[in-house]
Amino acid sequence: MSRLRSLLGDAKGAIAVEYALLLPAMVAALLGTVETFAAVQAYGKAVSAAQTVADLTARADTQSSTAMAAIVTAAQRVMDPLPNGPTTMGLQVQSVVFGSNGTPSAKWTYSWGSGAAAVPLSVAEGLGKSGESVVTVSFRYAHAPLLHDILGTLTFRETAVARPRTTRVIPFSG
């Protein structure tokens, strides 16, 4: 019995036991903070990339496949240093023209990457008068967290709309 009392009073190794109990919780909190920051950063970059694509498209008097490829490169630079290839990132740019009664219709569409669906024409309703247009951008980014086997892939979708700067309607030439 005295041996048991002496062991109960012995504090040697108590800190090691407490550390062993707290370490997993501390590591989980650290990883959670890192993953949350990375996801917020990826979402912010996706929003900026969508707005950049809409803005750069709306600045031109005319658009072409070559010019749009350069705009895609600009979107990829916005997403740097995150992975930004055609499997993780996708965009669809559409010029929406308003008819005589103000009804929106798609004049041209440019797509790159995967997973970006066209912005519904209803989004553009009321944004212009007859003969005017707007540029709509649908942007998708698939963020793979460090713990993607546990958390899965986070997919961010963003929509941006811009009005042409120098012309009422932006034509597209192959």
N, C-alpha and C. Protein backbone atom coordinates (compact mmCIF):
# COMPACT_ATOMS: atom_id res chain seq x y z
N MET A 1 0.81 -1.19 0.00
CA MET A 1 0.00 0.00 0.00
C MET A 1 0.86 1.26 0.00
N SER A 2 1.96 1.22 0.76
CA SER A 2 2.85 2.38 0.79
C SER A 2 3.51 2.61 -0.58
N ARG A 3 3.76 1.51 -1.28
CA ARG A 3 4.32 1.62 -2.63
C ARG A 3 3.34 2.34 -3.56
N LEU A 4 2.06 2.05 -3.46
CA LEU A 4 1.02 2.69 -4.27
C LEU A 4 0.92 4.17 -3.94
N ARG A 5 1.00 4.51 -2.65
CA ARG A 5 0.95 5.91 -2.26
C ARG A 5 2.16 6.68 -2.78
N SER A 6 3.29 6.06 -2.79
CA SER A 6 4.49 6.74 -3.30
C SER A 6 4.40 6.96 -4.81
N LEU A 7 3.79 6.03 -5.52
CA LEU A 7 3.61 6.22 -6.97
C LEU A 7 2.59 7.31 -7.28
N LEU A 8 1.52 7.39 -6.51
CA LEU A 8 0.51 8.42 -6.72
C LEU A 8 1.07 9.81 -6.45
N GLY A 9 1.97 9.94 -5.58
CA GLY A 9 2.56 11.22 -5.25
C GLY A 9 3.70 11.61 -6.17
N ASP A 10 4.17 10.68 -6.99
CA ASP A 10 5.30 10.94 -7.88
C ASP A 10 4.83 11.74 -9.10
N ALA A 11 5.39 12.90 -9.37
CA ALA A 11 5.00 13.77 -10.49
C ALA A 11 5.93 13.63 -11.69
N LYS A 12 6.91 12.75 -11.61
CA LYS A 12 7.83 12.55 -12.73
C LYS A 12 7.06 12.03 -13.94
N GLY A 13 7.26 12.66 -15.05
CA GLY A 13 6.60 12.22 -16.28
C GLY A 13 5.22 12.81 -16.49
N ALA A 14 4.71 13.59 -15.55
CA ALA A 14 3.37 14.18 -15.71
C ALA A 14 3.34 15.16 -16.89
N ILE A 15 4.39 15.91 -17.05
CA ILE A 15 4.43 16.87 -18.16
C ILE A 15 4.45 16.14 -19.50
N ALA A 16 5.17 15.05 -19.57
CA ALA A 16 5.23 14.27 -20.81
C ALA A 16 3.85 13.72 -21.16
N VAL A 17 3.11 13.26 -20.16
CA VAL A 17 1.76 12.74 -20.39
C VAL A 17 0.83 13.86 -20.85
N GLU A 18 0.91 15.01 -20.19
CA GLU A 18 0.07 16.16 -20.58
C GLU A 18 0.41 16.61 -22.00
N TYR A 19 1.69 16.64 -22.31
CA TYR A 19 2.12 17.03 -23.66
C TYR A 19 1.60 16.03 -24.70
N ALA A 20 1.68 14.75 -24.38
CA ALA A 20 1.20 13.72 -25.31
C ALA A 20 -0.30 13.84 -25.52
N LEU A 21 -1.03 14.27 -24.50
CA LEU A 21 -2.48 14.44 -24.64
C LEU A 21 -2.84 15.70 -25.42
N LEU A 22 -2.07 16.77 -25.25
CA LEU A 22 -2.38 18.05 -25.89
C LEU A 22 -1.82 18.17 -27.31
N LEU A 23 -0.75 17.46 -27.62
CA LEU A 23 -0.10 17.61 -28.92
C LEU A 23 -1.05 17.37 -30.10
N PRO A 24 -1.83 16.32 -30.12
CA PRO A 24 -2.73 16.13 -31.26
C PRO A 24 -3.72 17.28 -31.45
N ALA A 25 -4.23 17.81 -30.35
CA ALA A 25 -5.17 18.94 -30.44
C ALA A 25 -4.47 20.19 -30.97
N MET A 26 -3.23 20.41 -30.54
CA MET A 26 -2.49 21.57 -31.01
C MET A 26 -2.15 21.44 -32.50
N VAL A 27 -1.76 20.27 -32.94
CA VAL A 27 -1.45 20.04 -34.35
C VAL A 27 -2.71 20.20 -35.19
N ALA A 28 -3.84 19.68 -34.72
CA ALA A 28 -5.11 19.82 -35.44
C ALA A 28 -5.50 21.30 -35.56
N ALA A 29 -5.31 22.07 -34.50
CA ALA A 29 -5.63 23.50 -34.53
C ALA A 29 -4.72 24.23 -35.53
N LEU A 30 -3.45 23.88 -35.54
CA LEU A 30 -2.51 24.49 -36.48
C LEU A 30 -2.89 24.16 -37.93
N LEU A 31 -3.14 22.89 -38.22
CA LEU A 31 -3.52 22.49 -39.57
C LEU A 31 -4.84 23.13 -39.99
N GLY A 32 -5.78 23.22 -39.07
CA GLY A 32 -7.05 23.87 -39.37
C GLY A 32 -6.87 25.33 -39.72
N THR A 33 -6.00 26.02 -39.01
CA THR A 33 -5.71 27.42 -39.30
C THR A 33 -5.06 27.58 -40.66
N VAL A 34 -4.09 26.72 -40.95
CA VAL A 34 -3.40 26.78 -42.24
C VAL A 34 -4.38 26.50 -43.38
N GLU A 35 -5.22 25.48 -43.25
CA GLU A 35 -6.19 25.14 -44.30
C GLU A 35 -7.22 26.24 -44.49
N THR A 36 -7.67 26.84 -43.42
CA THR A 36 -8.64 27.93 -43.52
C THR A 36 -8.03 29.11 -44.25
N PHE A 37 -6.80 29.48 -43.89
CA PHE A 37 -6.13 30.58 -44.57
C PHE A 37 -5.96 30.28 -46.06
N ALA A 38 -5.55 29.06 -46.39
CA ALA A 38 -5.34 28.70 -47.80
C ALA A 38 -6.65 28.75 -48.58
N ALA A 39 -7.74 28.31 -47.97
CA ALA A 39 -9.04 28.35 -48.66
C ALA A 39 -9.52 29.78 -48.85
N VAL A 40 -9.34 30.62 -47.86
CA VAL A 40 -9.73 32.04 -47.98
C VAL A 40 -8.88 32.71 -49.06
N GLN A 41 -7.60 32.41 -49.09
CA GLN A 41 -6.72 32.97 -50.11
C GLN A 41 -7.15 32.51 -51.51
N ALA A 42 -7.45 31.24 -51.68
CA ALA A 42 -7.87 30.71 -52.97
C ALA A 42 -9.18 31.36 -53.42
N TYR A 43 -10.12 31.53 -52.50
CA TYR A 43 -11.39 32.17 -52.85
C TYR A 43 -11.17 33.62 -53.26
N GLY A 44 -10.36 34.34 -52.51
CA GLY A 44 -10.07 35.74 -52.86
C GLY A 44 -9.41 35.87 -54.22
N LYS A 45 -8.49 34.96 -54.52
CA LYS A 45 -7.84 34.98 -55.83
C LYS A 45 -8.83 34.63 -56.94
N ALA A 46 -9.77 33.73 -56.67
CA ALA A 46 -10.77 33.37 -57.67
C ALA A 46 -11.67 34.57 -57.98
N VAL A 47 -12.06 35.30 -56.96
CA VAL A 47 -12.88 36.51 -57.16
C VAL A 47 -12.09 37.53 -57.99
N SER A 48 -10.83 37.75 -57.63
CA SER A 48 -9.99 38.71 -58.37
C SER A 48 -9.77 38.28 -59.81
N ALA A 49 -9.57 36.98 -60.03
CA ALA A 49 -9.35 36.49 -61.39
C ALA A 49 -10.59 36.69 -62.25
N ALA A 50 -11.76 36.40 -61.71
CA ALA A 50 -13.01 36.59 -62.47
C ALA A 50 -13.20 38.06 -62.83
N GLN A 51 -12.96 38.95 -61.88
CA GLN A 51 -13.10 40.38 -62.14
C GLN A 51 -12.05 40.87 -63.13
N THR A 52 -10.85 40.33 -63.06
CA THR A 52 -9.79 40.70 -64.00
C THR A 52 -10.16 40.29 -65.42
N VAL A 53 -10.68 39.08 -65.59
CA VAL A 53 -11.08 38.61 -66.92
C VAL A 53 -12.19 39.50 -67.48
N ALA A 54 -13.19 39.82 -66.67
CA ALA A 54 -14.28 40.68 -67.13
C ALA A 54 -13.76 42.07 -67.50
N ASP A 55 -12.90 42.62 -66.67
CA ASP A 55 -12.36 43.96 -66.92
C ASP A 55 -11.51 44.01 -68.18
N LEU A 56 -10.58 43.06 -68.33
CA LEU A 56 -9.71 43.06 -69.51
C LEU A 56 -10.50 42.80 -70.79
N THR A 57 -11.52 41.96 -70.72
CA THR A 57 -12.34 41.70 -71.90
C THR A 57 -13.12 42.95 -72.29
N ALA A 58 -13.64 43.66 -71.29
CA ALA A 58 -14.47 44.84 -71.56
C ALA A 58 -13.66 46.05 -72.03
N ARG A 59 -12.37 46.05 -71.83
CA ARG A 59 -11.53 47.19 -72.25
C ARG A 59 -11.28 47.24 -73.74
N ALA A 60 -11.41 46.12 -74.43
CA ALA A 60 -11.01 46.05 -75.84
C ALA A 60 -12.14 46.51 -76.77
N ASP A 61 -11.73 47.01 -77.95
CA ASP A 61 -12.70 47.37 -78.99
C ASP A 61 -13.21 46.13 -79.69
N THR A 62 -12.37 45.11 -79.78
CA THR A 62 -12.71 43.84 -80.40
C THR A 62 -11.95 42.74 -79.67
N GLN A 63 -12.45 41.53 -79.73
CA GLN A 63 -11.77 40.41 -79.10
C GLN A 63 -11.50 39.32 -80.13
N SER A 64 -10.47 38.53 -79.86
CA SER A 64 -10.11 37.41 -80.72
C SER A 64 -9.66 36.25 -79.83
N SER A 65 -9.48 35.10 -80.43
CA SER A 65 -9.00 33.95 -79.67
C SER A 65 -7.63 34.22 -79.06
N THR A 66 -6.78 34.91 -79.81
CA THR A 66 -5.44 35.24 -79.33
C THR A 66 -5.50 36.18 -78.13
N ALA A 67 -6.35 37.21 -78.24
CA ALA A 67 -6.49 38.17 -77.13
C ALA A 67 -7.09 37.49 -75.90
N MET A 68 -8.04 36.60 -76.12
CA MET A 68 -8.64 35.90 -74.98
C MET A 68 -7.65 34.95 -74.32
N ALA A 69 -6.77 34.34 -75.13
CA ALA A 69 -5.72 33.48 -74.56
C ALA A 69 -4.79 34.30 -73.66
N ALA A 70 -4.51 35.53 -74.05
CA ALA A 70 -3.68 36.41 -73.22
C ALA A 70 -4.42 36.78 -71.93
N ILE A 71 -5.74 36.96 -72.03
CA ILE A 71 -6.53 37.28 -70.84
C ILE A 71 -6.56 36.08 -69.90
N VAL A 72 -6.62 34.87 -70.44
CA VAL A 72 -6.55 33.66 -69.61
C VAL A 72 -5.21 33.61 -68.88
N THR A 73 -4.14 33.96 -69.59
CA THR A 73 -2.82 34.00 -68.94
C THR A 73 -2.81 35.01 -67.80
N ALA A 74 -3.46 36.15 -67.98
CA ALA A 74 -3.56 37.14 -66.90
C ALA A 74 -4.30 36.57 -65.71
N ALA A 75 -5.38 35.82 -65.96
CA ALA A 75 -6.12 35.19 -64.87
C ALA A 75 -5.25 34.16 -64.14
N GLN A 76 -4.43 33.44 -64.90
CA GLN A 76 -3.52 32.47 -64.28
C GLN A 76 -2.49 33.19 -63.40
N ARG A 77 -2.02 34.36 -63.84
CA ARG A 77 -1.06 35.10 -63.03
C ARG A 77 -1.72 35.61 -61.75
N VAL A 78 -3.00 35.97 -61.81
CA VAL A 78 -3.72 36.37 -60.60
C VAL A 78 -3.78 35.21 -59.63
N MET A 79 -3.98 34.01 -60.14
CA MET A 79 -4.11 32.82 -59.29
C MET A 79 -2.77 32.32 -58.75
N ASP A 80 -1.65 32.78 -59.31
CA ASP A 80 -0.33 32.36 -58.82
C ASP A 80 -0.21 32.68 -57.34
N PRO A 81 0.43 31.87 -56.55
CA PRO A 81 1.20 30.66 -56.82
C PRO A 81 0.38 29.38 -56.75
N LEU A 82 -0.93 29.49 -56.73
CA LEU A 82 -1.78 28.31 -56.66
C LEU A 82 -1.78 27.58 -58.00
N PRO A 83 -2.03 26.28 -58.02
CA PRO A 83 -2.13 25.56 -59.29
C PRO A 83 -3.24 26.16 -60.15
N ASN A 84 -2.95 26.41 -61.42
CA ASN A 84 -3.94 27.10 -62.24
C ASN A 84 -3.99 26.58 -63.67
N GLY A 85 -3.86 25.30 -63.84
CA GLY A 85 -3.97 24.69 -65.16
C GLY A 85 -5.42 24.48 -65.56
N PRO A 86 -5.65 23.95 -66.75
CA PRO A 86 -7.02 23.78 -67.25
C PRO A 86 -7.84 22.75 -66.48
N THR A 87 -7.21 21.93 -65.65
CA THR A 87 -8.01 20.97 -64.87
C THR A 87 -8.47 21.56 -63.54
N THR A 88 -7.75 22.53 -63.01
CA THR A 88 -8.14 23.14 -61.74
C THR A 88 -8.90 24.44 -61.92
N MET A 89 -8.80 25.03 -63.09
CA MET A 89 -9.40 26.34 -63.32
C MET A 89 -10.17 26.32 -64.63
N GLY A 90 -11.30 26.98 -64.66
CA GLY A 90 -12.06 27.09 -65.89
C GLY A 90 -12.77 28.42 -65.95
N LEU A 91 -12.96 28.92 -67.16
CA LEU A 91 -13.71 30.17 -67.30
C LEU A 91 -14.49 30.15 -68.59
N GLN A 92 -15.60 30.89 -68.55
CA GLN A 92 -16.41 31.07 -69.75
C GLN A 92 -16.79 32.54 -69.81
N VAL A 93 -16.38 33.17 -70.92
CA VAL A 93 -16.65 34.58 -71.15
C VAL A 93 -17.73 34.67 -72.22
N GLN A 94 -18.68 35.56 -71.98
CA GLN A 94 -19.80 35.68 -72.91
C GLN A 94 -20.13 37.14 -73.12
N SER A 95 -20.33 37.53 -74.36
CA SER A 95 -20.82 38.87 -74.66
C SER A 95 -22.33 38.79 -74.79
N VAL A 96 -23.03 39.52 -73.96
CA VAL A 96 -24.50 39.51 -73.95
C VAL A 96 -24.99 40.83 -74.53
N VAL A 97 -25.76 40.74 -75.62
CA VAL A 97 -26.29 41.91 -76.31
C VAL A 97 -27.78 42.04 -75.99
N PHE A 98 -28.24 43.27 -75.85
CA PHE A 98 -29.64 43.53 -75.54
C PHE A 98 -30.39 43.88 -76.83
N GLY A 99 -31.48 43.15 -77.08
CA GLY A 99 -32.29 43.36 -78.28
C GLY A 99 -33.15 44.60 -78.17
N SER A 100 -34.01 44.80 -79.18
CA SER A 100 -34.83 46.01 -79.25
C SER A 100 -35.77 46.14 -78.05
N ASN A 101 -36.20 45.04 -77.48
CA ASN A 101 -37.07 45.11 -76.30
C ASN A 101 -36.28 44.94 -74.99
N GLY A 102 -34.95 44.98 -75.08
CA GLY A 102 -34.10 44.85 -73.89
C GLY A 102 -33.82 43.44 -73.46
N THR A 103 -34.23 42.46 -74.30
CA THR A 103 -34.00 41.06 -73.97
C THR A 103 -32.55 40.69 -74.23
N PRO A 104 -31.87 40.09 -73.26
CA PRO A 104 -30.46 39.71 -73.47
C PRO A 104 -30.33 38.44 -74.31
N SER A 105 -29.30 38.43 -75.16
CA SER A 105 -28.97 37.23 -75.93
C SER A 105 -27.45 37.15 -76.07
N ALA A 106 -26.93 35.94 -76.19
CA ALA A 106 -25.49 35.74 -76.28
C ALA A 106 -25.01 36.04 -77.70
N LYS A 107 -24.02 36.92 -77.82
CA LYS A 107 -23.45 37.23 -79.14
C LYS A 107 -22.28 36.29 -79.43
N TRP A 108 -21.38 36.11 -78.47
CA TRP A 108 -20.27 35.17 -78.62
C TRP A 108 -19.87 34.64 -77.25
N THR A 109 -19.21 33.49 -77.26
CA THR A 109 -18.76 32.84 -76.04
C THR A 109 -17.35 32.31 -76.24
N TYR A 110 -16.53 32.45 -75.22
CA TYR A 110 -15.17 31.90 -75.22
C TYR A 110 -15.02 31.06 -73.96
N SER A 111 -14.55 29.83 -74.11
CA SER A 111 -14.36 28.94 -72.96
C SER A 111 -12.91 28.49 -72.88
N TRP A 112 -12.45 28.29 -71.65
CA TRP A 112 -11.12 27.74 -71.40
C TRP A 112 -11.18 26.92 -70.13
N GLY A 113 -10.43 25.84 -70.07
CA GLY A 113 -10.36 25.03 -68.87
C GLY A 113 -11.59 24.17 -68.71
N SER A 114 -11.86 23.78 -67.46
CA SER A 114 -12.96 22.85 -67.23
C SER A 114 -13.90 23.33 -66.14
N GLY A 115 -15.15 22.98 -66.32
CA GLY A 115 -16.13 23.14 -65.26
C GLY A 115 -16.83 24.46 -65.13
N ALA A 116 -16.52 25.44 -65.95
CA ALA A 116 -17.20 26.73 -65.85
C ALA A 116 -18.42 26.73 -66.76
N ALA A 117 -19.59 26.84 -66.16
CA ALA A 117 -20.84 26.88 -66.93
C ALA A 117 -21.12 28.32 -67.34
N ALA A 118 -21.88 28.48 -68.39
CA ALA A 118 -22.24 29.83 -68.85
C ALA A 118 -23.07 30.54 -67.79
N VAL A 119 -22.89 31.83 -67.70
CA VAL A 119 -23.71 32.64 -66.80
C VAL A 119 -25.11 32.70 -67.42
N PRO A 120 -26.15 32.41 -66.65
CA PRO A 120 -27.51 32.49 -67.21
C PRO A 120 -27.80 33.91 -67.73
N LEU A 121 -28.49 33.98 -68.85
CA LEU A 121 -28.82 35.29 -69.43
C LEU A 121 -29.67 36.13 -68.49
N SER A 122 -30.39 35.48 -67.60
CA SER A 122 -31.23 36.22 -66.65
C SER A 122 -30.40 37.12 -65.74
N VAL A 123 -29.12 36.79 -65.54
CA VAL A 123 -28.25 37.63 -64.72
C VAL A 123 -28.07 39.01 -65.36
N ALA A 124 -28.09 39.06 -66.70
CA ALA A 124 -27.86 40.32 -67.42
C ALA A 124 -29.14 41.14 -67.59
N GLU A 125 -30.29 40.58 -67.28
CA GLU A 125 -31.55 41.33 -67.47
C GLU A 125 -31.52 42.63 -66.69
N GLY A 126 -31.89 43.71 -67.39
CA GLY A 126 -31.95 45.02 -66.77
C GLY A 126 -30.62 45.74 -66.68
N LEU A 127 -29.55 45.15 -67.20
CA LEU A 127 -28.23 45.79 -67.11
C LEU A 127 -27.89 46.64 -68.34
N GLY A 128 -28.77 46.69 -69.33
CA GLY A 128 -28.48 47.49 -70.52
C GLY A 128 -29.73 47.80 -71.32
N LYS A 129 -29.56 48.73 -72.26
CA LYS A 129 -30.64 49.12 -73.16
C LYS A 129 -30.42 48.48 -74.53
N SER A 130 -31.38 48.66 -75.38
CA SER A 130 -31.30 48.12 -76.73
C SER A 130 -30.01 48.58 -77.43
N GLY A 131 -29.30 47.62 -78.04
CA GLY A 131 -28.07 47.93 -78.76
C GLY A 131 -26.83 47.95 -77.89
N GLU A 132 -26.97 47.83 -76.58
CA GLU A 132 -25.82 47.79 -75.69
C GLU A 132 -25.47 46.34 -75.37
N SER A 133 -24.39 46.17 -74.64
CA SER A 133 -23.99 44.82 -74.24
C SER A 133 -23.26 44.84 -72.90
N VAL A 134 -23.09 43.67 -72.35
CA VAL A 134 -22.26 43.47 -71.16
C VAL A 134 -21.44 42.21 -71.38
N VAL A 135 -20.35 42.11 -70.66
CA VAL A 135 -19.52 40.91 -70.69
C VAL A 135 -19.77 40.18 -69.38
N THR A 136 -20.11 38.89 -69.49
CA THR A 136 -20.28 38.07 -68.28
C THR A 136 -19.18 37.02 -68.24
N VAL A 137 -18.71 36.76 -67.04
CA VAL A 137 -17.64 35.77 -66.84
C VAL A 137 -18.08 34.79 -65.77
N SER A 138 -17.97 33.52 -66.09
CA SER A 138 -18.17 32.46 -65.13
C SER A 138 -16.79 31.86 -64.87
N PHE A 139 -16.40 31.82 -63.60
CA PHE A 139 -15.06 31.36 -63.23
C PHE A 139 -15.20 30.23 -62.22
N ARG A 140 -14.43 29.16 -62.41
CA ARG A 140 -14.44 28.03 -61.48
C ARG A 140 -13.01 27.69 -61.10
N TYR A 141 -12.80 27.48 -59.81
CA TYR A 141 -11.49 27.07 -59.33
C TYR A 141 -11.65 25.91 -58.36
N ALA A 142 -10.91 24.83 -58.58
CA ALA A 142 -10.94 23.66 -57.71
C ALA A 142 -9.70 23.70 -56.82
N HIS A 143 -9.91 24.01 -55.55
CA HIS A 143 -8.82 24.12 -54.58
C HIS A 143 -8.64 22.78 -53.87
N ALA A 144 -7.44 22.22 -53.95
CA ALA A 144 -7.13 20.96 -53.27
C ALA A 144 -6.34 21.28 -52.01
N PRO A 145 -6.97 21.20 -50.84
CA PRO A 145 -6.26 21.49 -49.59
C PRO A 145 -5.14 20.48 -49.35
N LEU A 146 -4.25 20.81 -48.42
CA LEU A 146 -3.18 19.89 -48.06
C LEU A 146 -3.75 18.56 -47.59
N LEU A 147 -4.86 18.61 -46.91
CA LEU A 147 -5.51 17.41 -46.41
C LEU A 147 -6.70 17.03 -47.31
N HIS A 148 -6.47 17.06 -48.62
CA HIS A 148 -7.58 16.83 -49.55
C HIS A 148 -8.16 15.42 -49.45
N ASP A 149 -7.38 14.47 -48.94
CA ASP A 149 -7.92 13.12 -48.75
C ASP A 149 -8.99 13.11 -47.65
N ILE A 150 -8.87 14.02 -46.72
CA ILE A 150 -9.85 14.12 -45.63
C ILE A 150 -10.93 15.14 -45.96
N LEU A 151 -10.50 16.31 -46.43
CA LEU A 151 -11.43 17.42 -46.66
C LEU A 151 -12.08 17.40 -48.04
N GLY A 152 -11.47 16.73 -48.99
CA GLY A 152 -11.99 16.76 -50.36
C GLY A 152 -11.57 18.04 -51.06
N THR A 153 -11.98 18.20 -52.29
CA THR A 153 -11.65 19.38 -53.07
C THR A 153 -12.72 20.44 -52.85
N LEU A 154 -12.30 21.68 -52.63
CA LEU A 154 -13.22 22.81 -52.49
C LEU A 154 -13.34 23.48 -53.86
N THR A 155 -14.55 23.62 -54.36
CA THR A 155 -14.76 24.26 -55.66
C THR A 155 -15.39 25.62 -55.45
N PHE A 156 -14.71 26.65 -55.97
CA PHE A 156 -15.22 28.02 -55.87
C PHE A 156 -15.73 28.43 -57.24
N ARG A 157 -16.92 29.01 -57.28
CA ARG A 157 -17.50 29.52 -58.52
C ARG A 157 -17.79 30.99 -58.33
N GLU A 158 -17.40 31.78 -59.31
CA GLU A 158 -17.57 33.22 -59.22
C GLU A 158 -18.11 33.75 -60.55
N THR A 159 -18.94 34.76 -60.47
CA THR A 159 -19.49 35.42 -61.65
C THR A 159 -19.10 36.89 -61.61
N ALA A 160 -18.71 37.42 -62.76
CA ALA A 160 -18.38 38.84 -62.86
C ALA A 160 -19.05 39.39 -64.11
N VAL A 161 -19.45 40.65 -64.04
CA VAL A 161 -20.10 41.33 -65.16
C VAL A 161 -19.42 42.67 -65.35
N ALA A 162 -19.16 43.03 -66.61
CA ALA A 162 -18.54 44.33 -66.91
C ALA A 162 -19.19 44.91 -68.16
N ARG A 163 -19.22 46.21 -68.23
CA ARG A 163 -19.76 46.91 -69.38
C ARG A 163 -18.60 47.33 -70.29
N PRO A 164 -18.74 47.16 -71.61
CA PRO A 164 -17.66 47.57 -72.52
C PRO A 164 -17.31 49.04 -72.33
N ARG A 165 -16.02 49.37 -72.42
CA ARG A 165 -15.55 50.72 -72.15
C ARG A 165 -15.62 51.64 -73.37
N THR A 166 -15.21 51.12 -74.55
CA THR A 166 -15.04 52.02 -75.69
C THR A 166 -16.03 51.79 -76.82
N THR A 167 -16.84 50.77 -76.72
CA THR A 167 -17.82 50.46 -77.76
C THR A 167 -19.06 49.89 -77.11
N ARG A 168 -20.17 49.95 -77.80
CA ARG A 168 -21.42 49.43 -77.21
C ARG A 168 -21.45 47.91 -77.23
N VAL A 169 -20.90 47.31 -78.29
CA VAL A 169 -20.88 45.87 -78.44
C VAL A 169 -19.47 45.46 -78.87
N ILE A 170 -18.88 44.47 -78.21
CA ILE A 170 -17.53 44.01 -78.55
C ILE A 170 -17.65 42.87 -79.54
N PRO A 171 -17.17 43.06 -80.77
CA PRO A 171 -17.20 41.94 -81.72
C PRO A 171 -16.08 40.94 -81.44
N PHE A 172 -16.28 39.71 -81.90
CA PHE A 172 -15.30 38.64 -81.72
C PHE A 172 -14.90 38.13 -83.08
N SER A 173 -13.58 38.09 -83.33
CA SER A 173 -13.09 37.54 -84.59
C SER A 173 -12.17 36.38 -84.29
N GLY A 174 -12.66 35.18 -84.62
CA GLY A 174 -11.95 33.91 -84.47
C GLY A 174 -10.72 33.97 -83.71
